[in-house]
Amino acid sequence: MKFSLGSSIDIASPKLEKFIRLASKHVPVANDLGSWKKEKHHFDTGKVMHLINTVDMIRRVMCLSDEEAAISQTYALQLQIECQIDTEVERLMATGALDEEEWQFVNGILTALSGNVLSSSVMSRYGGEATRL
């Protein structure tokens, strides 16, 4: 995002550390939710040898036998991360810690996260032809 914006902000700044960490956690969870059925199908049919997906990891860690429960728990994780992002943005606003360029960066990241959720939901790469726009 820094490169895309031509920004001079310090992405290692302690002011942005928590926000960047949360955003970085959000991307793979949203992607894994969007690609779960396709990845699981490829694993079940032998097209891939390993299933590496947050939904499967949550199913295993929580000892869930029901795939739908694992999907629900993964979605809950995504929502929890989104609430934490919202709380962090509210904190940054309340403290006045960021300058205009840093806010532009934060807004860019939030826009990218939104686009990632949308594309993970509707791209045929993730959900197959049934979800394609």
N, C-alpha and C. Protein backbone atom coordinates (compact mmCIF):
# COMPACT_ATOMS: atom_id res chain seq x y z
N MET A 1 0.83 -1.18 0.00
CA MET A 1 0.00 0.00 0.00
C MET A 1 0.88 1.25 0.00
N LYS A 2 1.94 1.20 0.78
CA LYS A 2 2.85 2.34 0.83
C LYS A 2 3.37 2.66 -0.56
N PHE A 3 3.77 1.65 -1.29
CA PHE A 3 4.28 1.85 -2.65
C PHE A 3 3.17 2.37 -3.56
N SER A 4 1.99 1.78 -3.48
CA SER A 4 0.87 2.19 -4.33
C SER A 4 0.50 3.65 -4.13
N LEU A 5 0.59 4.11 -2.91
CA LEU A 5 0.24 5.49 -2.59
C LEU A 5 1.41 6.46 -2.80
N GLY A 6 2.60 5.91 -3.03
CA GLY A 6 3.77 6.76 -3.13
C GLY A 6 4.02 7.47 -1.80
N SER A 7 3.78 6.74 -0.73
CA SER A 7 3.81 7.32 0.61
C SER A 7 5.21 7.28 1.20
N SER A 8 5.48 8.22 2.07
CA SER A 8 6.76 8.25 2.77
C SER A 8 6.61 7.83 4.24
N ILE A 9 5.46 7.28 4.61
CA ILE A 9 5.25 6.89 6.00
C ILE A 9 6.20 5.77 6.40
N ASP A 10 6.39 5.63 7.68
CA ASP A 10 7.21 4.56 8.24
C ASP A 10 6.27 3.42 8.62
N ILE A 11 6.28 2.35 7.82
CA ILE A 11 5.36 1.24 8.12
C ILE A 11 5.81 0.43 9.34
N ALA A 12 7.00 0.72 9.85
CA ALA A 12 7.46 0.08 11.08
C ALA A 12 7.13 0.95 12.30
N SER A 13 6.39 2.02 12.09
CA SER A 13 6.03 2.92 13.18
C SER A 13 5.20 2.18 14.23
N PRO A 14 5.53 2.34 15.50
CA PRO A 14 4.72 1.72 16.55
C PRO A 14 3.26 2.18 16.52
N LYS A 15 3.00 3.37 15.98
CA LYS A 15 1.63 3.87 15.91
C LYS A 15 0.77 2.98 15.00
N LEU A 16 1.38 2.40 13.97
CA LEU A 16 0.64 1.60 12.99
C LEU A 16 0.78 0.09 13.19
N GLU A 17 1.62 -0.31 14.12
CA GLU A 17 1.96 -1.73 14.27
C GLU A 17 0.74 -2.62 14.47
N LYS A 18 -0.13 -2.26 15.39
CA LYS A 18 -1.29 -3.11 15.68
C LYS A 18 -2.25 -3.15 14.49
N PHE A 19 -2.49 -2.01 13.87
CA PHE A 19 -3.38 -1.96 12.71
C PHE A 19 -2.85 -2.84 11.58
N ILE A 20 -1.57 -2.71 11.29
CA ILE A 20 -0.96 -3.51 10.21
C ILE A 20 -1.01 -5.00 10.54
N ARG A 21 -0.74 -5.35 11.80
CA ARG A 21 -0.79 -6.76 12.21
C ARG A 21 -2.19 -7.33 12.03
N LEU A 22 -3.21 -6.58 12.45
CA LEU A 22 -4.58 -7.05 12.31
C LEU A 22 -4.98 -7.18 10.84
N ALA A 23 -4.60 -6.20 10.03
CA ALA A 23 -4.91 -6.27 8.59
C ALA A 23 -4.24 -7.48 7.97
N SER A 24 -3.02 -7.76 8.38
CA SER A 24 -2.28 -8.91 7.85
C SER A 24 -2.91 -10.24 8.25
N LYS A 25 -3.57 -10.27 9.39
CA LYS A 25 -4.28 -11.48 9.82
C LYS A 25 -5.59 -11.65 9.04
N HIS A 26 -6.20 -10.55 8.68
CA HIS A 26 -7.51 -10.59 8.02
C HIS A 26 -7.44 -11.20 6.63
N VAL A 27 -6.42 -10.85 5.87
CA VAL A 27 -6.32 -11.27 4.46
C VAL A 27 -6.38 -12.79 4.29
N PRO A 28 -5.54 -13.57 4.97
CA PRO A 28 -5.60 -15.01 4.73
C PRO A 28 -6.89 -15.67 5.21
N VAL A 29 -7.48 -15.14 6.28
CA VAL A 29 -8.73 -15.72 6.77
C VAL A 29 -9.84 -15.51 5.74
N ALA A 30 -9.95 -14.30 5.21
CA ALA A 30 -10.97 -14.02 4.19
C ALA A 30 -10.71 -14.85 2.93
N ASN A 31 -9.45 -14.94 2.51
CA ASN A 31 -9.13 -15.75 1.33
C ASN A 31 -9.47 -17.22 1.55
N ASP A 32 -9.14 -17.74 2.73
CA ASP A 32 -9.40 -19.15 3.01
C ASP A 32 -10.89 -19.45 3.08
N LEU A 33 -11.67 -18.54 3.61
CA LEU A 33 -13.13 -18.75 3.60
C LEU A 33 -13.65 -18.79 2.16
N GLY A 34 -13.15 -17.89 1.34
CA GLY A 34 -13.61 -17.84 -0.04
C GLY A 34 -13.20 -19.05 -0.87
N SER A 35 -12.04 -19.61 -0.56
CA SER A 35 -11.53 -20.72 -1.37
C SER A 35 -11.77 -22.09 -0.75
N TRP A 36 -12.38 -22.14 0.41
CA TRP A 36 -12.51 -23.40 1.15
C TRP A 36 -13.12 -24.53 0.33
N LYS A 37 -14.28 -24.33 -0.23
CA LYS A 37 -14.97 -25.43 -0.91
C LYS A 37 -14.15 -25.95 -2.09
N LYS A 38 -13.56 -25.03 -2.83
CA LYS A 38 -12.76 -25.43 -3.99
C LYS A 38 -11.50 -26.18 -3.52
N GLU A 39 -10.83 -25.69 -2.51
CA GLU A 39 -9.63 -26.36 -2.00
C GLU A 39 -9.97 -27.73 -1.43
N LYS A 40 -11.05 -27.79 -0.68
CA LYS A 40 -11.47 -29.08 -0.08
C LYS A 40 -11.82 -30.08 -1.17
N HIS A 41 -12.51 -29.63 -2.20
CA HIS A 41 -12.85 -30.52 -3.32
C HIS A 41 -11.58 -31.03 -4.00
N HIS A 42 -10.63 -30.16 -4.24
CA HIS A 42 -9.37 -30.58 -4.87
C HIS A 42 -8.62 -31.58 -4.00
N PHE A 43 -8.67 -31.39 -2.70
CA PHE A 43 -8.02 -32.33 -1.79
C PHE A 43 -8.75 -33.67 -1.80
N ASP A 44 -10.07 -33.63 -1.70
CA ASP A 44 -10.88 -34.86 -1.67
C ASP A 44 -10.76 -35.67 -2.96
N THR A 45 -10.57 -35.00 -4.09
CA THR A 45 -10.47 -35.70 -5.37
C THR A 45 -9.03 -36.00 -5.76
N GLY A 46 -8.07 -35.70 -4.88
CA GLY A 46 -6.68 -36.03 -5.14
C GLY A 46 -5.93 -35.07 -6.05
N LYS A 47 -6.53 -33.93 -6.37
CA LYS A 47 -5.84 -32.95 -7.22
C LYS A 47 -4.70 -32.27 -6.49
N VAL A 48 -4.80 -32.19 -5.16
CA VAL A 48 -3.72 -31.67 -4.32
C VAL A 48 -3.47 -32.66 -3.19
N MET A 49 -2.24 -32.68 -2.72
CA MET A 49 -1.89 -33.66 -1.68
C MET A 49 -2.07 -33.12 -0.27
N HIS A 50 -2.07 -31.80 -0.11
CA HIS A 50 -2.16 -31.20 1.22
C HIS A 50 -3.26 -30.15 1.23
N LEU A 51 -3.97 -30.11 2.32
CA LEU A 51 -5.02 -29.12 2.52
C LEU A 51 -4.52 -28.13 3.57
N ILE A 52 -4.18 -26.93 3.12
CA ILE A 52 -3.68 -25.89 4.02
C ILE A 52 -4.66 -24.73 3.93
N ASN A 53 -5.56 -24.67 4.91
CA ASN A 53 -6.64 -23.69 4.90
C ASN A 53 -7.08 -23.43 6.33
N THR A 54 -7.40 -22.19 6.64
CA THR A 54 -7.81 -21.82 7.99
C THR A 54 -9.02 -22.62 8.45
N VAL A 55 -9.96 -22.87 7.55
CA VAL A 55 -11.16 -23.63 7.92
C VAL A 55 -10.76 -25.02 8.43
N ASP A 56 -9.87 -25.68 7.73
CA ASP A 56 -9.43 -27.01 8.15
C ASP A 56 -8.64 -26.95 9.45
N MET A 57 -7.80 -25.92 9.59
CA MET A 57 -7.02 -25.79 10.83
C MET A 57 -7.94 -25.57 12.03
N ILE A 58 -8.95 -24.73 11.87
CA ILE A 58 -9.90 -24.52 12.97
C ILE A 58 -10.68 -25.80 13.26
N ARG A 59 -11.05 -26.54 12.21
CA ARG A 59 -11.76 -27.81 12.42
C ARG A 59 -10.90 -28.76 13.24
N ARG A 60 -9.62 -28.82 12.91
CA ARG A 60 -8.72 -29.73 13.63
C ARG A 60 -8.44 -29.27 15.06
N VAL A 61 -8.11 -28.00 15.22
CA VAL A 61 -7.75 -27.47 16.54
C VAL A 61 -8.93 -27.55 17.50
N MET A 62 -10.12 -27.27 16.99
CA MET A 62 -11.31 -27.27 17.85
C MET A 62 -12.00 -28.64 17.88
N CYS A 63 -11.41 -29.62 17.20
CA CYS A 63 -11.96 -30.98 17.16
C CYS A 63 -13.41 -30.99 16.68
N LEU A 64 -13.68 -30.25 15.62
CA LEU A 64 -15.03 -30.17 15.06
C LEU A 64 -15.19 -31.24 13.99
N SER A 65 -16.26 -32.00 14.07
CA SER A 65 -16.50 -33.02 13.05
C SER A 65 -17.35 -32.47 11.91
N ASP A 66 -18.03 -31.39 12.16
CA ASP A 66 -18.94 -30.79 11.19
C ASP A 66 -18.22 -29.68 10.40
N GLU A 67 -18.16 -29.83 9.11
CA GLU A 67 -17.51 -28.84 8.25
C GLU A 67 -18.18 -27.47 8.35
N GLU A 68 -19.49 -27.46 8.44
CA GLU A 68 -20.22 -26.19 8.55
C GLU A 68 -19.87 -25.46 9.85
N ALA A 69 -19.63 -26.20 10.92
CA ALA A 69 -19.23 -25.57 12.18
C ALA A 69 -17.86 -24.93 12.02
N ALA A 70 -16.97 -25.59 11.30
CA ALA A 70 -15.64 -25.03 11.08
C ALA A 70 -15.71 -23.77 10.22
N ILE A 71 -16.59 -23.78 9.22
CA ILE A 71 -16.78 -22.59 8.39
C ILE A 71 -17.33 -21.45 9.26
N SER A 72 -18.30 -21.75 10.10
CA SER A 72 -18.89 -20.74 10.98
C SER A 72 -17.86 -20.17 11.94
N GLN A 73 -17.02 -21.01 12.49
CA GLN A 73 -16.00 -20.56 13.42
C GLN A 73 -14.94 -19.70 12.70
N THR A 74 -14.62 -20.05 11.47
CA THR A 74 -13.67 -19.26 10.70
C THR A 74 -14.26 -17.90 10.36
N TYR A 75 -15.54 -17.89 10.01
CA TYR A 75 -16.21 -16.63 9.75
C TYR A 75 -16.25 -15.78 11.02
N ALA A 76 -16.50 -16.41 12.15
CA ALA A 76 -16.49 -15.69 13.43
C ALA A 76 -15.11 -15.10 13.70
N LEU A 77 -14.06 -15.84 13.35
CA LEU A 77 -12.70 -15.31 13.50
C LEU A 77 -12.51 -14.08 12.62
N GLN A 78 -12.98 -14.16 11.38
CA GLN A 78 -12.87 -13.01 10.48
C GLN A 78 -13.60 -11.80 11.08
N LEU A 79 -14.80 -12.02 11.57
CA LEU A 79 -15.56 -10.92 12.18
C LEU A 79 -14.87 -10.37 13.42
N GLN A 80 -14.27 -11.24 14.20
CA GLN A 80 -13.55 -10.80 15.40
C GLN A 80 -12.37 -9.91 14.99
N ILE A 81 -11.64 -10.30 13.98
CA ILE A 81 -10.52 -9.49 13.50
C ILE A 81 -11.04 -8.15 12.99
N GLU A 82 -12.17 -8.16 12.29
CA GLU A 82 -12.75 -6.91 11.79
C GLU A 82 -13.15 -5.99 12.94
N CYS A 83 -13.70 -6.55 14.01
CA CYS A 83 -14.05 -5.75 15.18
C CYS A 83 -12.79 -5.17 15.83
N GLN A 84 -11.73 -5.95 15.88
CA GLN A 84 -10.47 -5.46 16.44
C GLN A 84 -9.88 -4.35 15.57
N ILE A 85 -10.00 -4.49 14.25
CA ILE A 85 -9.55 -3.43 13.35
C ILE A 85 -10.35 -2.16 13.60
N ASP A 86 -11.66 -2.31 13.72
CA ASP A 86 -12.52 -1.16 13.98
C ASP A 86 -12.15 -0.48 15.30
N THR A 87 -11.92 -1.27 16.32
CA THR A 87 -11.52 -0.72 17.62
C THR A 87 -10.20 0.02 17.52
N GLU A 88 -9.26 -0.54 16.77
CA GLU A 88 -7.96 0.11 16.61
C GLU A 88 -8.08 1.42 15.84
N VAL A 89 -8.89 1.44 14.80
CA VAL A 89 -9.11 2.68 14.04
C VAL A 89 -9.76 3.73 14.95
N GLU A 90 -10.73 3.32 15.73
CA GLU A 90 -11.37 4.25 16.67
C GLU A 90 -10.35 4.79 17.67
N ARG A 91 -9.46 3.94 18.15
CA ARG A 91 -8.43 4.37 19.08
C ARG A 91 -7.50 5.39 18.42
N LEU A 92 -7.09 5.09 17.20
CA LEU A 92 -6.22 6.02 16.47
C LEU A 92 -6.90 7.36 16.26
N MET A 93 -8.19 7.32 15.96
CA MET A 93 -8.94 8.57 15.78
C MET A 93 -9.01 9.35 17.10
N ALA A 94 -9.30 8.66 18.17
CA ALA A 94 -9.47 9.32 19.47
C ALA A 94 -8.19 9.94 19.98
N THR A 95 -7.07 9.31 19.69
CA THR A 95 -5.79 9.81 20.19
C THR A 95 -5.18 10.88 19.28
N GLY A 96 -5.68 10.96 18.04
CA GLY A 96 -5.10 11.92 17.10
C GLY A 96 -3.66 11.60 16.77
N ALA A 97 -3.30 10.33 16.85
CA ALA A 97 -1.91 9.92 16.70
C ALA A 97 -1.38 9.99 15.27
N LEU A 98 -2.27 9.94 14.28
CA LEU A 98 -1.82 9.84 12.90
C LEU A 98 -1.93 11.17 12.17
N ASP A 99 -0.98 11.37 11.26
CA ASP A 99 -1.06 12.56 10.41
C ASP A 99 -1.85 12.21 9.15
N GLU A 100 -2.03 13.18 8.27
CA GLU A 100 -2.86 12.99 7.08
C GLU A 100 -2.35 11.87 6.18
N GLU A 101 -1.04 11.80 6.01
CA GLU A 101 -0.47 10.76 5.14
C GLU A 101 -0.67 9.37 5.75
N GLU A 102 -0.56 9.26 7.05
CA GLU A 102 -0.79 7.98 7.72
C GLU A 102 -2.26 7.57 7.61
N TRP A 103 -3.18 8.53 7.71
CA TRP A 103 -4.60 8.23 7.53
C TRP A 103 -4.89 7.78 6.10
N GLN A 104 -4.21 8.37 5.14
CA GLN A 104 -4.38 7.94 3.75
C GLN A 104 -3.96 6.48 3.61
N PHE A 105 -2.88 6.10 4.27
CA PHE A 105 -2.40 4.72 4.28
C PHE A 105 -3.44 3.80 4.92
N VAL A 106 -3.95 4.19 6.10
CA VAL A 106 -4.96 3.38 6.80
C VAL A 106 -6.19 3.21 5.91
N ASN A 107 -6.66 4.28 5.31
CA ASN A 107 -7.82 4.19 4.42
C ASN A 107 -7.54 3.29 3.22
N GLY A 108 -6.33 3.35 2.69
CA GLY A 108 -5.96 2.47 1.59
C GLY A 108 -5.99 1.01 1.99
N ILE A 109 -5.48 0.71 3.17
CA ILE A 109 -5.50 -0.67 3.68
C ILE A 109 -6.93 -1.13 3.89
N LEU A 110 -7.78 -0.29 4.47
CA LEU A 110 -9.18 -0.67 4.68
C LEU A 110 -9.89 -0.92 3.35
N THR A 111 -9.60 -0.11 2.37
CA THR A 111 -10.19 -0.32 1.03
C THR A 111 -9.70 -1.64 0.44
N ALA A 112 -8.41 -1.92 0.59
CA ALA A 112 -7.86 -3.17 0.08
C ALA A 112 -8.47 -4.38 0.78
N LEU A 113 -8.67 -4.28 2.10
CA LEU A 113 -9.30 -5.38 2.83
C LEU A 113 -10.72 -5.63 2.33
N SER A 114 -11.45 -4.55 2.10
CA SER A 114 -12.82 -4.68 1.58
C SER A 114 -12.82 -5.33 0.21
N GLY A 115 -11.91 -4.89 -0.64
CA GLY A 115 -11.80 -5.48 -1.97
C GLY A 115 -11.41 -6.94 -1.93
N ASN A 116 -10.55 -7.29 -0.97
CA ASN A 116 -10.15 -8.68 -0.81
C ASN A 116 -11.33 -9.56 -0.43
N VAL A 117 -12.17 -9.07 0.48
CA VAL A 117 -13.35 -9.85 0.88
C VAL A 117 -14.28 -10.02 -0.32
N LEU A 118 -14.51 -8.94 -1.05
CA LEU A 118 -15.39 -9.01 -2.22
C LEU A 118 -14.83 -9.98 -3.25
N SER A 119 -13.56 -9.83 -3.59
CA SER A 119 -13.00 -10.71 -4.63
C SER A 119 -12.95 -12.16 -4.16
N SER A 120 -12.68 -12.38 -2.88
CA SER A 120 -12.67 -13.75 -2.36
C SER A 120 -14.05 -14.39 -2.42
N SER A 121 -15.08 -13.55 -2.41
CA SER A 121 -16.46 -14.05 -2.43
C SER A 121 -16.98 -14.30 -3.84
N VAL A 122 -16.49 -13.56 -4.82
CA VAL A 122 -17.10 -13.63 -6.14
C VAL A 122 -16.18 -14.10 -7.27
N MET A 123 -14.90 -14.24 -7.01
CA MET A 123 -14.00 -14.68 -8.07
C MET A 123 -14.18 -16.18 -8.32
N SER A 124 -14.19 -16.56 -9.56
CA SER A 124 -14.31 -17.99 -9.87
C SER A 124 -13.09 -18.75 -9.35
N ARG A 125 -11.95 -18.06 -9.17
CA ARG A 125 -10.74 -18.70 -8.64
C ARG A 125 -11.02 -19.28 -7.26
N TYR A 126 -11.86 -18.60 -6.49
CA TYR A 126 -12.14 -19.05 -5.13
C TYR A 126 -13.40 -19.90 -5.03
N GLY A 127 -14.52 -19.35 -5.44
CA GLY A 127 -15.78 -20.06 -5.23
C GLY A 127 -16.28 -20.85 -6.42
N GLY A 128 -15.51 -20.89 -7.49
CA GLY A 128 -15.94 -21.62 -8.68
C GLY A 128 -16.91 -20.78 -9.52
N GLU A 129 -17.35 -21.34 -10.59
CA GLU A 129 -18.22 -20.63 -11.51
C GLU A 129 -19.54 -20.19 -10.89
N ALA A 130 -19.98 -20.89 -9.86
CA ALA A 130 -21.27 -20.55 -9.22
C ALA A 130 -21.24 -19.19 -8.55
N THR A 131 -20.05 -18.71 -8.16
CA THR A 131 -19.97 -17.42 -7.47
C THR A 131 -19.49 -16.30 -8.37
N ARG A 132 -19.14 -16.65 -9.59
CA ARG A 132 -18.60 -15.65 -10.51
C ARG A 132 -19.64 -14.60 -10.86
N LEU A 133 -19.20 -13.33 -10.91
CA LEU A 133 -20.10 -12.23 -11.31
C LEU A 133 -20.22 -12.18 -12.82
